[in-house]
Protein backbone atom coordinates (compact mmCIF):
# COMPACT_ATOMS: atom_id res chain seq x y z
CA UNK A 1 -0.08 -0.13 -0.22
CA UNK A 2 3.24 1.99 0.72
CA UNK A 3 4.17 1.95 -2.74
CA UNK A 4 0.72 3.01 -4.35
CA UNK A 5 0.12 6.61 -5.47
CA UNK A 6 -2.85 7.97 -4.85
CA UNK A 7 -4.88 10.18 -7.39
CA UNK A 8 -5.55 13.32 -6.44
CA UNK A 9 -9.62 13.77 -7.22
CA UNK A 10 -10.00 17.30 -6.49
CA UNK A 11 -6.84 18.82 -8.78
CA UNK A 12 -8.34 15.92 -11.43
CA UNK A 13 -11.43 17.45 -11.55
CA UNK A 14 -10.28 21.08 -11.55
CA UNK A 15 -7.95 20.46 -14.47
CA UNK A 16 -10.73 18.02 -16.29
CA UNK A 17 -13.46 20.58 -15.72
CA UNK A 18 -11.80 23.65 -16.98
CA UNK A 19 -12.17 22.38 -20.10
CA UNK A 20 -14.89 21.38 -20.57
CA UNK A 21 -16.64 24.58 -22.59
CA UNK A 22 -14.45 24.30 -24.73
CA UNK A 23 -15.12 20.33 -25.39
CA UNK A 24 -18.51 21.39 -25.48
CA UNK A 25 -18.10 23.35 -28.57
CA UNK A 26 -15.56 20.59 -30.65
CA UNK A 27 -17.83 18.00 -30.20
CA UNK A 28 -20.50 20.89 -32.25
CA UNK A 29 -17.70 20.98 -34.69
CA UNK A 30 -17.23 17.34 -35.01
CA UNK A 31 -21.28 16.36 -35.28
CA UNK A 32 -21.17 19.37 -37.71
CA UNK A 33 -18.23 18.33 -39.91
CA UNK A 34 -18.91 14.57 -40.05
CA UNK A 35 -22.88 16.25 -40.83
CA UNK A 36 -20.98 17.76 -44.01
CA UNK A 37 -19.65 14.37 -45.39
CA UNK A 38 -22.06 11.73 -44.77
CA UNK A 39 -24.34 13.94 -46.69
CA UNK A 40 -23.36 11.89 -49.99
CA UNK A 41 -24.71 8.33 -48.78
CA UNK A 42 -27.93 7.64 -49.96
CA UNK A 43 -29.46 6.70 -46.24
CA UNK A 44 -29.33 9.72 -43.58
CA UNK A 45 -27.40 8.35 -40.34
CA UNK A 46 -28.25 10.23 -37.00
CA UNK A 47 -25.66 11.64 -34.78
CA UNK A 48 -25.08 11.52 -30.75
CA UNK A 49 -23.20 13.02 -29.47
CA UNK A 50 -21.72 13.27 -25.39
CA UNK A 51 -18.29 13.98 -23.73
CA UNK A 52 -18.11 12.08 -20.01
CA UNK A 53 -18.30 13.68 -17.00
CA UNK A 54 -15.94 13.71 -14.43
CA UNK A 55 -17.17 11.29 -12.45
CA UNK A 56 -17.30 8.97 -15.24
CA UNK A 57 -13.84 9.48 -16.36
CA UNK A 58 -12.57 9.53 -13.19
CA UNK A 59 -14.77 5.68 -12.51
CA UNK A 60 -12.59 5.22 -15.98
CA UNK A 61 -9.49 6.64 -14.58
CA UNK A 62 -9.51 4.52 -10.89
CA UNK A 63 -10.37 1.32 -13.17
CA UNK A 64 -7.57 1.74 -15.74
CA UNK A 65 -4.79 1.79 -12.26
CA UNK A 66 -6.40 -1.18 -10.83
CA UNK A 67 -5.51 -3.04 -14.36
CA UNK A 68 -1.55 -2.11 -13.67
CA UNK A 69 -1.65 1.42 -16.21
CA UNK A 70 1.24 3.50 -15.15
CA UNK A 71 2.01 6.89 -15.68
CA UNK A 72 -1.46 8.85 -15.66
CA UNK A 73 -3.87 6.41 -17.23
CA UNK A 74 -4.59 8.10 -20.81
CA UNK A 75 -8.84 8.10 -21.80
CA UNK A 76 -10.03 7.58 -25.20
CA UNK A 77 -13.55 8.16 -25.43
CA UNK A 78 -13.30 11.94 -23.13
CA UNK A 79 -15.35 12.65 -26.48
CA UNK A 80 -17.45 10.47 -28.42
CA UNK A 81 -19.42 10.77 -31.15
CA UNK A 82 -22.27 7.79 -32.07
CA UNK A 83 -23.05 7.51 -35.49
CA UNK A 84 -26.80 5.79 -35.89
CA UNK A 85 -27.54 4.16 -39.25
CA UNK A 86 -30.42 2.44 -40.97
CA UNK A 87 -28.65 -0.67 -42.75
CA UNK A 88 -25.97 -2.85 -41.98
CA UNK A 89 -24.33 -1.82 -45.06
CA UNK A 90 -24.71 2.20 -44.00
CA UNK A 91 -21.81 1.41 -41.44
CA UNK A 92 -19.43 0.06 -44.10
CA UNK A 93 -19.89 3.51 -46.12
CA UNK A 94 -19.96 5.21 -42.64
CA UNK A 95 -16.14 3.74 -41.44
CA UNK A 96 -15.25 4.57 -45.23
CA UNK A 97 -16.03 8.68 -45.37
CA UNK A 98 -14.55 8.39 -41.45
CA UNK A 99 -11.45 7.32 -42.60
CA UNK A 100 -10.80 9.28 -45.90
CA UNK A 101 -11.59 12.47 -44.09
CA UNK A 102 -10.18 11.96 -40.38
CA UNK A 103 -6.60 10.17 -39.39
CA UNK A 104 -7.79 7.17 -37.31
CA UNK A 105 -5.69 6.24 -34.87
CA UNK A 106 -7.43 2.99 -33.97
CA UNK A 107 -10.28 0.29 -35.82
CA UNK A 108 -12.07 -2.09 -33.58
CA UNK A 109 -14.54 -3.94 -34.21
CA UNK A 110 -16.69 -5.53 -31.26
CA UNK A 111 -18.14 -8.29 -32.08
CA UNK A 112 -18.32 -12.09 -31.30
CA UNK A 113 -14.71 -12.80 -30.08
CA UNK A 114 -16.12 -10.73 -27.15
CA UNK A 115 -17.42 -11.93 -23.61
CA UNK A 116 -21.34 -12.72 -23.57
CA UNK A 117 -22.27 -9.19 -21.78
CA UNK A 118 -21.83 -8.14 -25.74
CA UNK A 119 -23.75 -11.01 -26.92
CA UNK A 120 -21.89 -11.52 -29.84
CA UNK A 121 -23.55 -7.98 -31.51
CA UNK A 122 -21.21 -6.84 -33.70
CA UNK A 123 -19.93 -2.55 -33.31
CA UNK A 124 -17.34 -0.16 -34.77
CA UNK A 125 -14.99 1.72 -32.79
CA UNK A 126 -12.62 4.39 -34.24
CA UNK A 127 -10.49 6.91 -32.42
CA UNK A 128 -9.92 9.54 -34.31
CA UNK A 129 -7.61 12.82 -34.42
CA UNK A 130 -9.47 15.89 -33.78
CA UNK A 131 -8.34 18.22 -36.85
CA UNK A 132 -5.89 20.62 -36.62
CA UNK A 133 -8.94 23.06 -38.16
CA UNK A 134 -11.15 22.39 -34.94
CA UNK A 135 -7.84 22.31 -32.69
CA UNK A 136 -7.13 26.18 -34.26
CA UNK A 137 -10.15 27.35 -34.06
CA UNK A 138 -11.07 26.35 -30.44
CA UNK A 139 -7.77 25.77 -28.26
CA UNK A 140 -6.68 23.39 -26.15
CA UNK A 141 -9.60 20.81 -25.17
CA UNK A 142 -7.72 18.27 -22.59
CA UNK A 143 -8.11 16.20 -25.24
CA UNK A 144 -6.80 14.73 -28.76
CA UNK A 145 -8.55 11.86 -29.69
CA UNK A 146 -12.42 11.26 -30.16
CA UNK A 147 -13.56 7.63 -30.39
CA UNK A 148 -16.20 7.51 -33.40
CA UNK A 149 -19.29 4.69 -32.67
CA UNK A 150 -20.85 3.76 -35.76
CA UNK A 151 -24.24 1.72 -35.80
CA UNK A 152 -27.08 0.40 -37.35
CA UNK A 153 -30.41 1.46 -35.43
CA UNK A 154 -30.86 -1.68 -33.80
CA UNK A 155 -27.59 -2.62 -33.12
CA UNK A 156 -27.56 0.96 -31.00
CA UNK A 157 -30.70 0.17 -29.71
CA UNK A 158 -29.79 -3.50 -28.25
CA UNK A 159 -26.02 -1.65 -26.28
CA UNK A 160 -27.91 1.22 -24.61
CA UNK A 161 -30.06 -1.91 -22.88
CA UNK A 162 -26.83 -3.90 -22.85
CA UNK A 163 -25.63 -1.55 -21.12
CA UNK A 164 -28.18 -1.17 -18.38
CA UNK A 165 -28.39 -4.72 -18.14
CA UNK A 166 -25.06 -5.74 -17.66
CA UNK A 167 -22.17 -3.23 -17.75
CA UNK A 168 -23.70 -0.96 -15.24
CA UNK A 169 -24.77 -3.97 -12.84
CA UNK A 170 -23.13 -4.95 -9.86
CA UNK A 171 -24.66 -8.51 -10.62
CA UNK A 172 -24.90 -10.00 -14.12
CA UNK A 173 -27.84 -12.53 -14.80
CA UNK A 174 -25.99 -16.21 -13.40
CA UNK A 175 -28.85 -18.48 -14.47
CA UNK A 176 -28.65 -19.93 -17.53
CA UNK A 177 -32.51 -19.72 -18.62
CA UNK A 178 -31.86 -15.43 -19.20
CA UNK A 179 -28.15 -15.61 -20.63
CA UNK A 180 -30.30 -18.17 -23.01
CA UNK A 181 -32.97 -14.97 -23.45
CA UNK A 182 -30.24 -12.82 -23.84
CA UNK A 183 -28.23 -14.62 -26.37
CA UNK A 184 -31.71 -14.95 -28.20
CA UNK A 185 -32.79 -11.41 -28.17
CA UNK A 186 -29.50 -10.48 -29.29
CA UNK A 187 -29.76 -12.93 -32.03
CA UNK A 188 -33.12 -11.52 -32.97
CA UNK A 189 -31.68 -8.62 -33.74
CA UNK A 190 -29.26 -9.27 -35.87
CA UNK A 191 -31.11 -11.19 -38.01
CA UNK A 192 -33.71 -8.21 -37.99
CA UNK A 193 -30.77 -6.41 -39.69
CA UNK A 194 -30.17 -8.96 -41.53
CA UNK A 195 -33.71 -8.81 -43.21
CA UNK A 196 -34.06 -4.89 -43.09
CA UNK A 197 -30.50 -5.56 -45.29
CA UNK A 198 -32.42 -7.55 -48.12
CA UNK A 199 -35.87 -5.94 -48.16
CA UNK A 200 -33.34 -2.40 -48.65
CA UNK A 201 -31.55 -4.31 -52.05
CA UNK A 202 -35.02 -5.84 -53.04
CA UNK A 203 -36.48 -2.31 -52.83
CA UNK A 204 -33.19 -0.99 -54.80
CA UNK A 205 -33.40 -3.68 -57.50
CA UNK A 206 -37.35 -2.96 -57.46
CA UNK A 207 -37.03 1.36 -58.26
CA UNK A 208 -33.81 1.09 -60.14
CA UNK A 209 -36.17 -1.41 -62.68
CA UNK A 210 -39.27 0.59 -62.03
CA UNK A 211 -37.32 4.12 -62.97
CA UNK A 212 -35.87 2.05 -66.22
CA UNK A 213 -39.87 1.29 -67.54
CA UNK A 214 -41.36 3.96 -66.88
CA UNK A 215 -38.94 5.83 -68.93
CA UNK A 216 -39.43 4.00 -71.85
CA UNK A 217 -43.01 3.96 -71.21
CA UNK A 218 -43.08 7.78 -71.64
CA UNK A 219 -40.78 7.69 -74.40
CA UNK A 220 -43.17 5.66 -76.60
CA UNK A 221 -45.74 8.20 -75.38
CA UNK A 222 -43.35 11.00 -76.72
CA UNK A 223 -43.10 9.06 -80.11
CA UNK A 224 -46.99 8.60 -80.91
CA UNK A 225 -48.58 11.66 -78.94
CA UNK A 226 -46.15 15.01 -79.81
CA UNK A 227 -44.72 13.76 -83.09
CA UNK A 228 -47.99 14.95 -84.28
CA UNK A 229 -47.63 18.38 -82.96
CA UNK A 230 -43.62 19.21 -83.51
CA UNK A 231 -42.97 17.31 -86.93
CA UNK A 232 -40.25 19.16 -87.62
CA UNK A 233 -37.92 18.38 -85.11
CA UNK A 234 -36.76 16.69 -82.23
CA UNK A 235 -37.70 18.10 -78.32
CA UNK A 236 -36.76 17.07 -74.73
CA UNK A 237 -40.07 15.38 -73.53
CA UNK A 238 -41.79 14.05 -70.86
CA UNK A 239 -38.57 11.60 -69.95
CA UNK A 240 -35.19 9.98 -71.15
CA UNK A 241 -33.50 6.90 -70.88
CA UNK A 242 -30.49 7.34 -69.05
CA UNK A 243 -26.91 7.09 -70.84
CA UNK A 244 -25.85 4.72 -68.89
CA UNK A 245 -27.25 1.48 -68.72
CA UNK A 246 -29.00 0.17 -66.21
CA UNK A 247 -27.34 -2.78 -64.42
CA UNK A 248 -30.13 -5.60 -63.94
CA UNK A 249 -30.36 -8.42 -61.57
CA UNK A 250 -30.17 -11.70 -62.91
CA UNK A 251 -33.67 -13.86 -62.92
CA UNK A 252 -34.60 -15.75 -59.77
CA UNK A 253 -36.50 -18.98 -62.02
CA UNK A 254 -36.67 -20.21 -58.31
CA UNK A 255 -38.50 -17.27 -56.75
CA UNK A 256 -42.15 -17.50 -57.28
CA UNK A 257 -43.11 -14.89 -54.04
CA UNK A 258 -44.82 -11.53 -55.21
CA UNK A 259 -41.28 -10.14 -55.18
CA UNK A 260 -39.35 -12.39 -57.20
CA UNK A 261 -41.80 -12.58 -59.66
CA UNK A 262 -42.51 -8.62 -59.65
CA UNK A 263 -38.37 -8.35 -60.29
CA UNK A 264 -38.34 -10.95 -63.26
CA UNK A 265 -41.75 -8.81 -64.43
CA UNK A 266 -39.51 -5.84 -64.83
CA UNK A 267 -36.64 -7.45 -65.73
CA UNK A 268 -38.45 -8.04 -69.03
CA UNK A 269 -40.15 -5.34 -69.46
CA UNK A 270 -36.90 -3.52 -69.52
CA UNK A 271 -34.77 -5.68 -71.48
CA UNK A 272 -38.15 -5.15 -74.59
CA UNK A 273 -39.27 -8.97 -73.19
CA UNK A 274 -43.03 -8.13 -73.53
CA UNK A 275 -44.40 -10.90 -73.57
CA UNK A 276 -42.74 -12.26 -70.79
CA UNK A 277 -42.99 -9.47 -68.71
CA UNK A 278 -46.67 -9.91 -69.02
CA UNK A 279 -46.55 -13.46 -68.60
CA UNK A 280 -44.86 -12.70 -64.71
CA UNK A 281 -47.55 -9.59 -64.40
CA UNK A 282 -50.42 -12.08 -65.37
CA UNK A 283 -49.45 -14.75 -62.44
CA UNK A 284 -48.89 -12.42 -59.48
CA UNK A 285 -52.55 -11.38 -59.99
CA UNK A 286 -53.44 -15.19 -60.53
CA UNK A 287 -52.18 -15.41 -57.05
CA UNK A 288 -55.02 -12.78 -55.68
CA UNK A 289 -52.38 -10.35 -54.19
CA UNK A 290 -54.50 -8.20 -51.85
CA UNK A 291 -56.26 -4.75 -53.54
CA UNK A 292 -53.25 -2.33 -53.45
CA UNK A 293 -50.77 -4.80 -54.72
CA UNK A 294 -53.22 -5.91 -57.82
CA UNK A 295 -53.78 -2.38 -58.74
CA UNK A 296 -50.13 -1.51 -58.32
CA UNK A 297 -49.65 -4.75 -60.97
CA UNK A 298 -52.95 -4.08 -63.68
CA UNK A 299 -51.13 -0.61 -63.80
CA UNK A 300 -47.31 -2.63 -64.24
CA UNK A 301 -48.83 -4.69 -67.06
CA UNK A 302 -50.69 -2.29 -68.93
CA UNK A 303 -47.72 -0.11 -69.93
CA UNK A 304 -46.28 -3.76 -71.20
CA UNK A 305 -49.86 -3.63 -73.14
CA UNK A 306 -48.95 -0.05 -74.19
CA UNK A 307 -45.37 -0.85 -75.36
CA UNK A 308 -47.30 -3.74 -77.73
CA UNK A 309 -49.65 -1.30 -78.88
CA UNK A 310 -51.73 -3.12 -77.48
CA UNK A 311 -53.60 -0.54 -76.72
CA UNK A 312 -57.60 -1.40 -75.78
CA UNK A 313 -55.62 -4.49 -73.45
CA UNK A 314 -53.86 -1.43 -71.93
CA UNK A 315 -56.66 0.37 -71.77
CA UNK A 316 -58.34 -2.74 -69.46
CA UNK A 317 -55.90 -2.53 -67.81
CA UNK A 318 -55.73 0.82 -66.46
CA UNK A 319 -59.34 0.09 -65.36
CA UNK A 320 -59.13 -2.65 -63.75
CA UNK A 321 -56.07 -1.03 -61.84
CA UNK A 322 -58.91 2.22 -60.72
CA UNK A 323 -61.61 -0.09 -59.81
CA UNK A 324 -59.40 -1.18 -56.77
CA UNK A 325 -57.94 2.09 -55.82
CA UNK A 326 -60.26 5.03 -57.20
CA UNK A 327 -57.90 7.38 -55.93
CA UNK A 328 -54.73 6.35 -58.58
CA UNK A 329 -54.00 9.31 -59.86
CA UNK A 330 -51.27 7.34 -62.38
CA UNK A 331 -54.02 5.27 -63.75
CA UNK A 332 -55.97 7.71 -64.68
CA UNK A 333 -53.45 9.85 -66.40
CA UNK A 334 -51.74 6.89 -68.18
CA UNK A 335 -55.19 5.75 -69.25
CA UNK A 336 -56.03 9.22 -70.82
CA UNK A 337 -52.62 8.64 -72.45
CA UNK A 338 -53.60 5.41 -74.19
CA UNK A 339 -56.44 7.13 -75.56
CA UNK A 340 -54.53 10.07 -76.67
CA UNK A 341 -52.79 7.50 -78.67
CA UNK A 342 -56.05 6.37 -80.05
CA UNK A 343 -56.81 9.76 -80.82
CA UNK A 344 -59.66 9.64 -77.97
CA UNK A 345 -59.41 13.32 -77.06
CA UNK A 346 -62.50 13.71 -75.43
CA UNK A 347 -62.43 10.64 -73.42
CA UNK A 348 -58.94 11.41 -73.07
CA UNK A 349 -59.62 15.24 -71.38
CA UNK A 350 -62.32 13.48 -69.19
CA UNK A 351 -58.91 10.83 -67.43
CA UNK A 352 -56.68 13.33 -67.59
CA UNK A 353 -59.17 16.15 -65.66
CA UNK A 354 -60.14 13.29 -62.58
CA UNK A 355 -56.17 12.25 -62.03
CA UNK A 356 -55.23 16.67 -61.89
CA UNK A 357 -58.24 16.30 -59.38
CA UNK A 358 -56.00 14.00 -57.23
CA UNK A 359 -53.16 15.98 -58.01
CA UNK A 360 -53.87 18.87 -58.74
CA UNK A 361 -50.01 19.80 -59.51
CA UNK A 362 -49.15 17.22 -61.63
CA UNK A 363 -47.27 18.91 -64.87
CA UNK A 364 -46.90 16.30 -67.70
CA UNK A 365 -51.12 15.89 -67.13
CA UNK A 366 -51.22 19.58 -66.94
CA UNK A 367 -49.24 19.12 -70.62
CA UNK A 368 -50.80 15.66 -72.01
CA UNK A 369 -54.68 17.99 -71.39
CA UNK A 370 -53.17 20.67 -73.24
CA UNK A 371 -52.28 18.77 -76.00
CA UNK A 372 -55.71 16.53 -76.21
CA UNK A 373 -57.35 20.39 -76.00
CA UNK A 374 -55.81 21.46 -78.72
CA UNK A 375 -56.67 18.71 -80.53
CA UNK A 376 -60.47 19.08 -80.76
CA UNK A 377 -59.70 22.89 -80.80
CA UNK A 378 -60.39 24.28 -77.71
CA UNK A 379 -57.66 26.06 -78.23
CA UNK A 380 -58.11 28.63 -74.91
CA UNK A 381 -58.61 25.72 -72.70
CA UNK A 382 -55.22 23.83 -74.33
CA UNK A 383 -53.13 27.72 -73.61
CA UNK A 384 -54.33 27.13 -69.62
CA UNK A 385 -52.51 24.80 -69.21
CA UNK A 386 -50.10 25.01 -70.63
CA UNK A 387 -49.14 27.79 -68.73
CA UNK A 388 -50.09 26.22 -65.86
CA UNK A 389 -47.50 23.36 -66.51
CA UNK A 390 -44.62 25.70 -67.55
CA UNK A 391 -44.94 27.80 -64.37
CA UNK A 392 -44.78 24.41 -61.82
CA UNK A 393 -41.94 23.93 -64.03
CA UNK A 394 -40.43 26.74 -65.67
CA UNK A 395 -37.65 24.30 -66.92
CA UNK A 396 -39.20 21.47 -69.66
CA UNK A 397 -38.44 22.67 -72.30
CA UNK A 398 -41.75 20.81 -74.13
CA UNK A 399 -44.07 22.92 -71.85
CA UNK A 400 -42.46 25.85 -73.09
CA UNK A 401 -42.40 25.13 -76.56
CA UNK A 402 -45.87 24.09 -76.42
CA UNK A 403 -47.41 27.02 -75.36
CA UNK A 404 -44.62 28.90 -77.85
CA UNK A 405 -46.56 26.60 -80.75
CA UNK A 406 -50.08 27.08 -79.23
CA UNK A 407 -49.61 31.48 -79.11
CA UNK A 408 -48.02 31.04 -82.11
CA UNK A 409 -51.30 28.81 -83.34
CA UNK A 410 -53.56 31.85 -81.98
CA UNK A 411 -51.27 34.74 -83.08
CA UNK A 412 -51.18 36.00 -80.18
């Protein structure tokens, strides 16, 4: 006992709290800097900040001395930030960005190799140097390093509860049954993270395919309708196909789920294999999905029929979609487009009007209804819709061109 040098708590507190206000500013600067870098990510992680109060600092100080630390203990997590990500893949993206923009001193992956207290749950802990520009701006804050933890939402939830149940508790569970329950709960959360990630990947594939399919649908509209007005030159219309080819996922022949069939349908649709796409859409409908799903599938299949120039079948599918979802402005709009292609302009105007009742700010619907009005000779109504479309989207050249065309036609 004689050789033990006891720390002076009072002097340590005074020294520690001398930098408390500066540390608050440093944490705010770090959070703002990290938030700026994270804007490059698809998702939006949240950032939590904290710096240790003196009691927590002193408790860790004593713990390090007890474990044989010589000299003044070097505590690396006085300043801490936690980046909480929606999905597992985001943790890798965040880690890469932190390593790119900060000097990383240590990279620790907490996981299954730890004791049951952590129950195998993963978490990424990075120690980074506080950037020089922040040090120059704020001055000495009493530490040179900050800890950044990177977790998913579920990992963070588990860590918070685990901290209260195990880390802060004087006694940890002795009962094997309780330990098994905790391990099972952790496994369920880990599985949930994996399932969420799978769903996100599937959504990204589906959305990518839907965007591609929608672009080709709008391209055919341009070719079928706009040429009657602007036969002398080309213009940028409703949508154009991307210059970069979309990376398509492979067929999933063994996946007979609705999601799997839909992904294959969209894949075939975007490869212009419209017969195959229609067959996949039809298989989904044969499974008697819920009304919302069936309404969506009828819209997709209607687009495929439209691509095959099977216009009456397309109208029939859009009508069936509306029977299941009377508030679908898109189904009204798509049906109106097909009727306009068939030069059934009065019927098209009725559908466009219904679509605009549901969504009055749909610029392209105004544009298409204006074209239909033009074809039946109602130039005043056509100009009113063209002007409304231009007000909603002042950058769209096709809108401005149509308005100018009408003004010229009316000699105004």
